[in-house]
């Protein structure tokens, strides 16, 4: 299912909200320990060469209502633009609100967005911890964007009900602990918080509505 249109107003609003809520991936000098009221989220990605870069929307969510619970200043994550890579890579975000988070979408260039509303995964994200959520393979979703969506657009285009995010959880990767610990020690030497693996919970969510139509997240 595809939705398109002239969404310039929504794009501008999205950018404003994103800039207000997201501080970007943490700096290498980040100091973070078990006493923090914030949380760190980390995942690994499979290599991909289909697009120059892509982004992963992962936000605060209620399993009970199946609705998004983020606000302008909390409940958002920003892993930055994830570039094409010939090998696996780690990506980290610092979030201002612990709780349950769910995968909303994968997008490329901000305009082509594949929405996981028909089947997604949610995770408990704990404060004062480095929360590992697994190994994500963006390739199946990026391939759908390439084949099922227009090559050019004047605004945001959504592909709804995409197949569930391709993910290998920690339970499927016995080597996860050593790999994550080594990355954190090398990249963030001032992070002393415990590293934990979070297991996914399968769920769905209802797409939101804006003044210009159906959107993946809430307006």
C-alpha atoms as a PDB file:
ATOM      1  CA  UNK A   1       0.000   0.000   0.000  1.00  0.00           C
ATOM      2  CA  UNK A   2       1.398   3.426  -0.970  1.00  0.00           C
ATOM      3  CA  UNK A   3       0.508   6.960   0.105  1.00  0.00           C
ATOM      4  CA  UNK A   4       1.980  10.064  -1.513  1.00  0.00           C
ATOM      5  CA  UNK A   5       1.235  13.728  -1.919  1.00  0.00           C
ATOM      6  CA  UNK A   6       2.431  17.283  -1.392  1.00  0.00           C
ATOM      7  CA  UNK A   7       3.508  17.061   2.230  1.00  0.00           C
ATOM      8  CA  UNK A   8       5.735  20.123   2.453  1.00  0.00           C
ATOM      9  CA  UNK A   9       4.006  21.377   5.591  1.00  0.00           C
ATOM     10  CA  UNK A  10       4.376  18.047   7.314  1.00  0.00           C
ATOM     11  CA  UNK A  11       8.018  17.765   6.270  1.00  0.00           C
ATOM     12  CA  UNK A  12       8.801  21.162   7.786  1.00  0.00           C
ATOM     13  CA  UNK A  13       6.999  20.257  10.998  1.00  0.00           C
ATOM     14  CA  UNK A  14       8.828  16.933  11.178  1.00  0.00           C
ATOM     15  CA  UNK A  15      12.173  18.664  10.826  1.00  0.00           C
ATOM     16  CA  UNK A  16      11.329  21.149  13.588  1.00  0.00           C
ATOM     17  CA  UNK A  17      10.215  18.381  15.952  1.00  0.00           C
ATOM     18  CA  UNK A  18      13.241  16.268  15.136  1.00  0.00           C
ATOM     19  CA  UNK A  19      15.640  19.130  15.774  1.00  0.00           C
ATOM     20  CA  UNK A  20      13.909  19.895  19.077  1.00  0.00           C
ATOM     21  CA  UNK A  21      13.944  16.308  20.311  1.00  0.00           C
ATOM     22  CA  UNK A  22      17.000  14.650  18.815  1.00  0.00           C
ATOM     23  CA  UNK A  23      20.509  15.556  19.836  1.00  0.00           C
ATOM     24  CA  UNK A  24      22.086  13.093  17.426  1.00  0.00           C
ATOM     25  CA  UNK A  25      24.295  10.091  18.170  1.00  0.00           C
ATOM     26  CA  UNK A  26      26.408  10.499  21.339  1.00  0.00           C
ATOM     27  CA  UNK A  27      29.956  11.827  21.202  1.00  0.00           C
ATOM     28  CA  UNK A  28      32.916   9.591  22.026  1.00  0.00           C
ATOM     29  CA  UNK A  29      33.489  11.632  25.201  1.00  0.00           C
ATOM     30  CA  UNK A  30      30.068  10.693  26.614  1.00  0.00           C
ATOM     31  CA  UNK A  31      30.066   9.886  30.336  1.00  0.00           C
ATOM     32  CA  UNK A  32      27.354   7.410  31.196  1.00  0.00           C
ATOM     33  CA  UNK A  33      26.933   5.100  34.179  1.00  0.00           C
ATOM     34  CA  UNK A  34      24.359   3.019  36.044  1.00  0.00           C
ATOM     35  CA  UNK A  35      23.066   6.073  37.932  1.00  0.00           C
ATOM     36  CA  UNK A  36      21.887   7.814  34.758  1.00  0.00           C
ATOM     37  CA  UNK A  37      18.178   8.406  34.242  1.00  0.00           C
ATOM     38  CA  UNK A  38      18.759   8.237  30.483  1.00  0.00           C
ATOM     39  CA  UNK A  39      19.375   5.094  28.428  1.00  0.00           C
ATOM     40  CA  UNK A  40      21.735   4.036  25.672  1.00  0.00           C
ATOM     41  CA  UNK A  41      20.487   1.923  22.776  1.00  0.00           C
ATOM     42  CA  UNK A  42      22.826   0.010  20.492  1.00  0.00           C
ATOM     43  CA  UNK A  43      22.361  -2.265  17.513  1.00  0.00           C
ATOM     44  CA  UNK A  44      24.472  -3.744  14.740  1.00  0.00           C
ATOM     45  CA  UNK A  45      23.686  -3.687  11.013  1.00  0.00           C
ATOM     46  CA  UNK A  46      24.419  -6.018   8.145  1.00  0.00           C
ATOM     47  CA  UNK A  47      26.352  -4.491   5.217  1.00  0.00           C
ATOM     48  CA  UNK A  48      24.359  -2.853   2.446  1.00  0.00           C
ATOM     49  CA  UNK A  49      25.170  -1.131  -0.834  1.00  0.00           C
ATOM     50  CA  UNK A  50      21.697  -0.364  -2.190  1.00  0.00           C
ATOM     51  CA  UNK A  51      21.498   3.265  -1.050  1.00  0.00           C
ATOM     52  CA  UNK A  52      23.926   5.947   0.066  1.00  0.00           C
ATOM     53  CA  UNK A  53      22.445   5.981   3.560  1.00  0.00           C
ATOM     54  CA  UNK A  54      19.298   5.161   5.519  1.00  0.00           C
ATOM     55  CA  UNK A  55      17.690   5.962   8.861  1.00  0.00           C
ATOM     56  CA  UNK A  56      15.919   3.905  11.501  1.00  0.00           C
ATOM     57  CA  UNK A  57      12.942   5.320  13.437  1.00  0.00           C
ATOM     58  CA  UNK A  58      12.797   3.740  16.915  1.00  0.00           C
ATOM     59  CA  UNK A  59      10.533   5.453  19.428  1.00  0.00           C
ATOM     60  CA  UNK A  60       8.692   5.246  22.743  1.00  0.00           C
ATOM     61  CA  UNK A  61       5.651   3.004  22.494  1.00  0.00           C
ATOM     62  CA  UNK A  62       2.834   1.451  24.550  1.00  0.00           C
ATOM     63  CA  UNK A  63       2.296  -2.282  24.152  1.00  0.00           C
ATOM     64  CA  UNK A  64      -1.106  -1.948  25.833  1.00  0.00           C
ATOM     65  CA  UNK A  65      -2.593   0.696  23.528  1.00  0.00           C
ATOM     66  CA  UNK A  66      -0.261   0.075  20.560  1.00  0.00           C
ATOM     67  CA  UNK A  67       0.240   3.834  20.311  1.00  0.00           C
ATOM     68  CA  UNK A  68       3.339   6.027  20.217  1.00  0.00           C
ATOM     69  CA  UNK A  69       4.134   7.771  23.501  1.00  0.00           C
ATOM     70  CA  UNK A  70       7.000  10.049  22.528  1.00  0.00           C
ATOM     71  CA  UNK A  71       6.912  13.801  23.004  1.00  0.00           C
ATOM     72  CA  UNK A  72       8.790  16.785  21.620  1.00  0.00           C
ATOM     73  CA  UNK A  73      11.698  16.394  24.022  1.00  0.00           C
ATOM     74  CA  UNK A  74      11.677  12.721  25.008  1.00  0.00           C
ATOM     75  CA  UNK A  75      11.000   9.265  23.699  1.00  0.00           C
ATOM     76  CA  UNK A  76      12.946   9.803  20.459  1.00  0.00           C
ATOM     77  CA  UNK A  77      16.126   8.121  19.321  1.00  0.00           C
ATOM     78  CA  UNK A  78      18.568   9.390  16.709  1.00  0.00           C
ATOM     79  CA  UNK A  79      21.151   7.004  15.310  1.00  0.00           C
ATOM     80  CA  UNK A  80      22.015   9.435  12.552  1.00  0.00           C
ATOM     81  CA  UNK A  81      22.294   8.557   8.897  1.00  0.00           C
ATOM     82  CA  UNK A  82      23.595   5.005   8.545  1.00  0.00           C
ATOM     83  CA  UNK A  83      25.908   4.961   5.519  1.00  0.00           C
ATOM     84  CA  UNK A  84      26.440   2.184   3.023  1.00  0.00           C
ATOM     85  CA  UNK A  85      29.077  -0.183   4.366  1.00  0.00           C
ATOM     86  CA  UNK A  86      30.930  -3.295   3.136  1.00  0.00           C
ATOM     87  CA  UNK A  87      30.836  -4.783   6.637  1.00  0.00           C
ATOM     88  CA  UNK A  88      28.823  -4.901   9.826  1.00  0.00           C
ATOM     89  CA  UNK A  89      28.699  -1.741  11.943  1.00  0.00           C
ATOM     90  CA  UNK A  90      27.365  -0.607  15.327  1.00  0.00           C
ATOM     91  CA  UNK A  91      25.029   2.351  15.871  1.00  0.00           C
ATOM     92  CA  UNK A  92      24.191   4.061  19.159  1.00  0.00           C
ATOM     93  CA  UNK A  93      21.632   6.562  20.467  1.00  0.00           C
ATOM     94  CA  UNK A  94      21.126   8.217  23.855  1.00  0.00           C
ATOM     95  CA  UNK A  95      17.454   8.557  24.774  1.00  0.00           C
ATOM     96  CA  UNK A  96      15.877  10.810  27.374  1.00  0.00           C
ATOM     97  CA  UNK A  97      13.050   8.503  28.334  1.00  0.00           C
ATOM     98  CA  UNK A  98      13.447   4.848  29.292  1.00  0.00           C
ATOM     99  CA  UNK A  99      10.556   2.435  28.773  1.00  0.00           C
ATOM    100  CA  UNK A 100       9.267   0.446  25.811  1.00  0.00           C
ATOM    101  CA  UNK A 101      10.484   1.380  22.336  1.00  0.00           C
ATOM    102  CA  UNK A 102       9.364   0.002  18.973  1.00  0.00           C
ATOM    103  CA  UNK A 103      10.594   0.031  15.385  1.00  0.00           C
ATOM    104  CA  UNK A 104       8.453   2.414  13.327  1.00  0.00           C
ATOM    105  CA  UNK A 105      10.114   2.603   9.937  1.00  0.00           C
ATOM    106  CA  UNK A 106      13.196   2.587   7.775  1.00  0.00           C
ATOM    107  CA  UNK A 107      13.639   5.497   5.394  1.00  0.00           C
ATOM    108  CA  UNK A 108      16.132   6.715   2.865  1.00  0.00           C
ATOM    109  CA  UNK A 109      16.765  10.391   2.063  1.00  0.00           C
ATOM    110  CA  UNK A 110      13.921  11.208   4.451  1.00  0.00           C
ATOM    111  CA  UNK A 111      11.276  10.927   1.725  1.00  0.00           C
ATOM    112  CA  UNK A 112      10.913   7.183   1.039  1.00  0.00           C
ATOM    113  CA  UNK A 113       9.605   5.550   4.224  1.00  0.00           C
ATOM    114  CA  UNK A 114       8.742   1.888   4.753  1.00  0.00           C
ATOM    115  CA  UNK A 115       6.367   1.609   7.728  1.00  0.00           C
ATOM    116  CA  UNK A 116       6.241  -1.496   9.981  1.00  0.00           C
ATOM    117  CA  UNK A 117       2.687  -0.879  11.211  1.00  0.00           C
ATOM    118  CA  UNK A 118       1.453  -4.331  10.197  1.00  0.00           C
ATOM    119  CA  UNK A 119       4.108  -6.120  12.209  1.00  0.00           C
ATOM    120  CA  UNK A 120       6.914  -4.653  14.269  1.00  0.00           C
ATOM    121  CA  UNK A 121       9.118  -5.394  17.271  1.00  0.00           C
ATOM    122  CA  UNK A 122       9.239  -3.614  20.615  1.00  0.00           C
ATOM    123  CA  UNK A 123      11.886  -3.748  23.340  1.00  0.00           C
ATOM    124  CA  UNK A 124      12.152  -2.750  27.005  1.00  0.00           C
ATOM    125  CA  UNK A 125      14.785  -0.007  27.241  1.00  0.00           C
ATOM    126  CA  UNK A 126      16.283   0.387  30.723  1.00  0.00           C
ATOM    127  CA  UNK A 127      17.725   3.569  32.218  1.00  0.00           C
ATOM    128  CA  UNK A 128      21.369   3.521  33.265  1.00  0.00           C
ATOM    129  CA  UNK A 129      22.159   0.663  30.886  1.00  0.00           C
ATOM    130  CA  UNK A 130      23.524   0.027  27.427  1.00  0.00           C
ATOM    131  CA  UNK A 131      20.586  -1.745  25.774  1.00  0.00           C
ATOM    132  CA  UNK A 132      21.572  -4.041  22.899  1.00  0.00           C
ATOM    133  CA  UNK A 133      18.640  -4.859  20.599  1.00  0.00           C
ATOM    134  CA  UNK A 134      20.316  -7.089  18.029  1.00  0.00           C
ATOM    135  CA  UNK A 135      21.519  -7.252  14.432  1.00  0.00           C
ATOM    136  CA  UNK A 136      19.350  -5.452  11.863  1.00  0.00           C
ATOM    137  CA  UNK A 137      19.452  -6.283   8.169  1.00  0.00           C
ATOM    138  CA  UNK A 138      18.038  -3.277   6.255  1.00  0.00           C
ATOM    139  CA  UNK A 139      18.428  -4.922   2.849  1.00  0.00           C
ATOM    140  CA  UNK A 140      14.944  -6.509   2.502  1.00  0.00           C
ATOM    141  CA  UNK A 141      13.231  -3.239   3.420  1.00  0.00           C
ATOM    142  CA  UNK A 142      15.486  -1.111   1.208  1.00  0.00           C
ATOM    143  CA  UNK A 143      14.839  -3.497  -1.683  1.00  0.00           C
ATOM    144  CA  UNK A 144      11.078  -2.998  -1.230  1.00  0.00           C
ATOM    145  CA  UNK A 145      11.545   0.768  -1.229  1.00  0.00           C
ATOM    146  CA  UNK A 146      13.489   0.469  -4.491  1.00  0.00           C
ATOM    147  CA  UNK A 147      10.983  -1.768  -6.279  1.00  0.00           C
ATOM    148  CA  UNK A 148       7.617  -0.692  -4.829  1.00  0.00           C
ATOM    149  CA  UNK A 149       7.984   3.076  -4.531  1.00  0.00           C
ATOM    150  CA  UNK A 150       8.442   5.853  -7.128  1.00  0.00           C
ATOM    151  CA  UNK A 151      11.968   6.850  -8.104  1.00  0.00           C
ATOM    152  CA  UNK A 152      11.167  10.551  -7.616  1.00  0.00           C
ATOM    153  CA  UNK A 153       8.759  12.407  -5.352  1.00  0.00           C
ATOM    154  CA  UNK A 154       7.715  15.942  -4.430  1.00  0.00           C
ATOM    155  CA  UNK A 155       7.051  14.931  -0.823  1.00  0.00           C
ATOM    156  CA  UNK A 156       7.135  12.108   1.674  1.00  0.00           C
ATOM    157  CA  UNK A 157       5.987   8.732   0.333  1.00  0.00           C
ATOM    158  CA  UNK A 158       4.962   5.919   2.689  1.00  0.00           C
ATOM    159  CA  UNK A 159       4.908   2.197   2.060  1.00  0.00           C
ATOM    160  CA  UNK A 160       2.635   0.717   4.717  1.00  0.00           C
ATOM    161  CA  UNK A 161       2.362  -2.846   6.055  1.00  0.00           C
ATOM    162  CA  UNK A 162       5.902  -3.775   5.069  1.00  0.00           C
ATOM    163  CA  UNK A 163       7.198  -7.153   6.300  1.00  0.00           C
ATOM    164  CA  UNK A 164       8.467  -7.230   9.860  1.00  0.00           C
ATOM    165  CA  UNK A 165      11.914  -5.735  10.458  1.00  0.00           C
ATOM    166  CA  UNK A 166      14.665  -8.240   9.600  1.00  0.00           C
ATOM    167  CA  UNK A 167      16.324  -8.742  12.978  1.00  0.00           C
ATOM    168  CA  UNK A 168      18.525 -11.261  14.775  1.00  0.00           C
ATOM    169  CA  UNK A 169      18.037 -10.827  18.519  1.00  0.00           C
ATOM    170  CA  UNK A 170      20.778 -11.413  21.071  1.00  0.00           C
ATOM    171  CA  UNK A 171      19.419 -14.897  21.750  1.00  0.00           C
ATOM    172  CA  UNK A 172      20.298 -15.782  18.140  1.00  0.00           C
ATOM    173  CA  UNK A 173      23.828 -14.396  18.445  1.00  0.00           C
ATOM    174  CA  UNK A 174      25.877 -16.098  21.176  1.00  0.00           C
ATOM    175  CA  UNK A 175      28.841 -13.831  20.393  1.00  0.00           C
ATOM    176  CA  UNK A 176      26.903 -10.588  21.002  1.00  0.00           C
ATOM    177  CA  UNK A 177      28.303  -9.788  24.455  1.00  0.00           C
ATOM    178  CA  UNK A 178      31.982  -9.830  23.522  1.00  0.00           C
ATOM    179  CA  UNK A 179      31.355  -7.871  20.318  1.00  0.00           C
ATOM    180  CA  UNK A 180      29.266  -5.146  21.989  1.00  0.00           C
ATOM    181  CA  UNK A 181      31.599  -4.857  24.980  1.00  0.00           C
ATOM    182  CA  UNK A 182      34.619  -4.433  22.712  1.00  0.00           C
ATOM    183  CA  UNK A 183      32.886  -1.767  20.627  1.00  0.00           C
ATOM    184  CA  UNK A 184      31.693   0.235  23.640  1.00  0.00           C
ATOM    185  CA  UNK A 185      35.136   0.074  25.305  1.00  0.00           C
ATOM    186  CA  UNK A 186      36.839   1.320  22.143  1.00  0.00           C
ATOM    187  CA  UNK A 187      34.282   3.923  21.066  1.00  0.00           C
ATOM    188  CA  UNK A 188      32.991   5.189  24.435  1.00  0.00           C
ATOM    189  CA  UNK A 189      35.736   4.785  27.060  1.00  0.00           C
ATOM    190  CA  UNK A 190      33.788   6.818  29.647  1.00  0.00           C
ATOM    191  CA  UNK A 191      30.708   4.576  29.516  1.00  0.00           C
ATOM    192  CA  UNK A 192      30.696   2.307  32.582  1.00  0.00           C
ATOM    193  CA  UNK A 193      27.017   1.341  32.658  1.00  0.00           C
ATOM    194  CA  UNK A 194      26.172  -2.368  32.410  1.00  0.00           C
ATOM    195  CA  UNK A 195      25.495  -3.787  28.961  1.00  0.00           C
ATOM    196  CA  UNK A 196      22.294  -5.809  28.671  1.00  0.00           C
ATOM    197  CA  UNK A 197      20.569  -7.658  25.836  1.00  0.00           C
ATOM    198  CA  UNK A 198      16.903  -6.921  25.274  1.00  0.00           C
ATOM    199  CA  UNK A 199      14.618  -9.432  23.606  1.00  0.00           C
ATOM    200  CA  UNK A 200      11.977  -8.301  21.077  1.00  0.00           C
ATOM    201  CA  UNK A 201       8.225  -8.513  21.545  1.00  0.00           C
ATOM    202  CA  UNK A 202       6.116  -8.794  18.395  1.00  0.00           C
ATOM    203  CA  UNK A 203       3.349  -6.229  18.022  1.00  0.00           C
ATOM    204  CA  UNK A 204       1.560  -3.929  15.567  1.00  0.00           C
ATOM    205  CA  UNK A 205       0.507  -0.290  15.574  1.00  0.00           C
ATOM    206  CA  UNK A 206      -2.082   1.886  13.861  1.00  0.00           C
ATOM    207  CA  UNK A 207      -0.667   4.526  11.505  1.00  0.00           C
ATOM    208  CA  UNK A 208      -1.269   8.121  12.470  1.00  0.00           C
ATOM    209  CA  UNK A 209      -3.175  10.869  10.688  1.00  0.00           C
ATOM    210  CA  UNK A 210      -2.103  14.371   9.830  1.00  0.00           C
ATOM    211  CA  UNK A 211      -3.936  17.255   8.198  1.00  0.00           C
ATOM    212  CA  UNK A 212      -2.606  15.927   4.898  1.00  0.00           C
ATOM    213  CA  UNK A 213      -3.454  12.248   5.338  1.00  0.00           C
ATOM    214  CA  UNK A 214      -2.149   8.968   6.701  1.00  0.00           C
ATOM    215  CA  UNK A 215       1.370   8.887   8.157  1.00  0.00           C
ATOM    216  CA  UNK A 216       3.452   6.192   9.832  1.00  0.00           C
ATOM    217  CA  UNK A 217       3.888   7.758  13.268  1.00  0.00           C
ATOM    218  CA  UNK A 218       1.703  10.187  15.196  1.00  0.00           C
ATOM    219  CA  UNK A 219       1.234  13.807  14.164  1.00  0.00           C
END
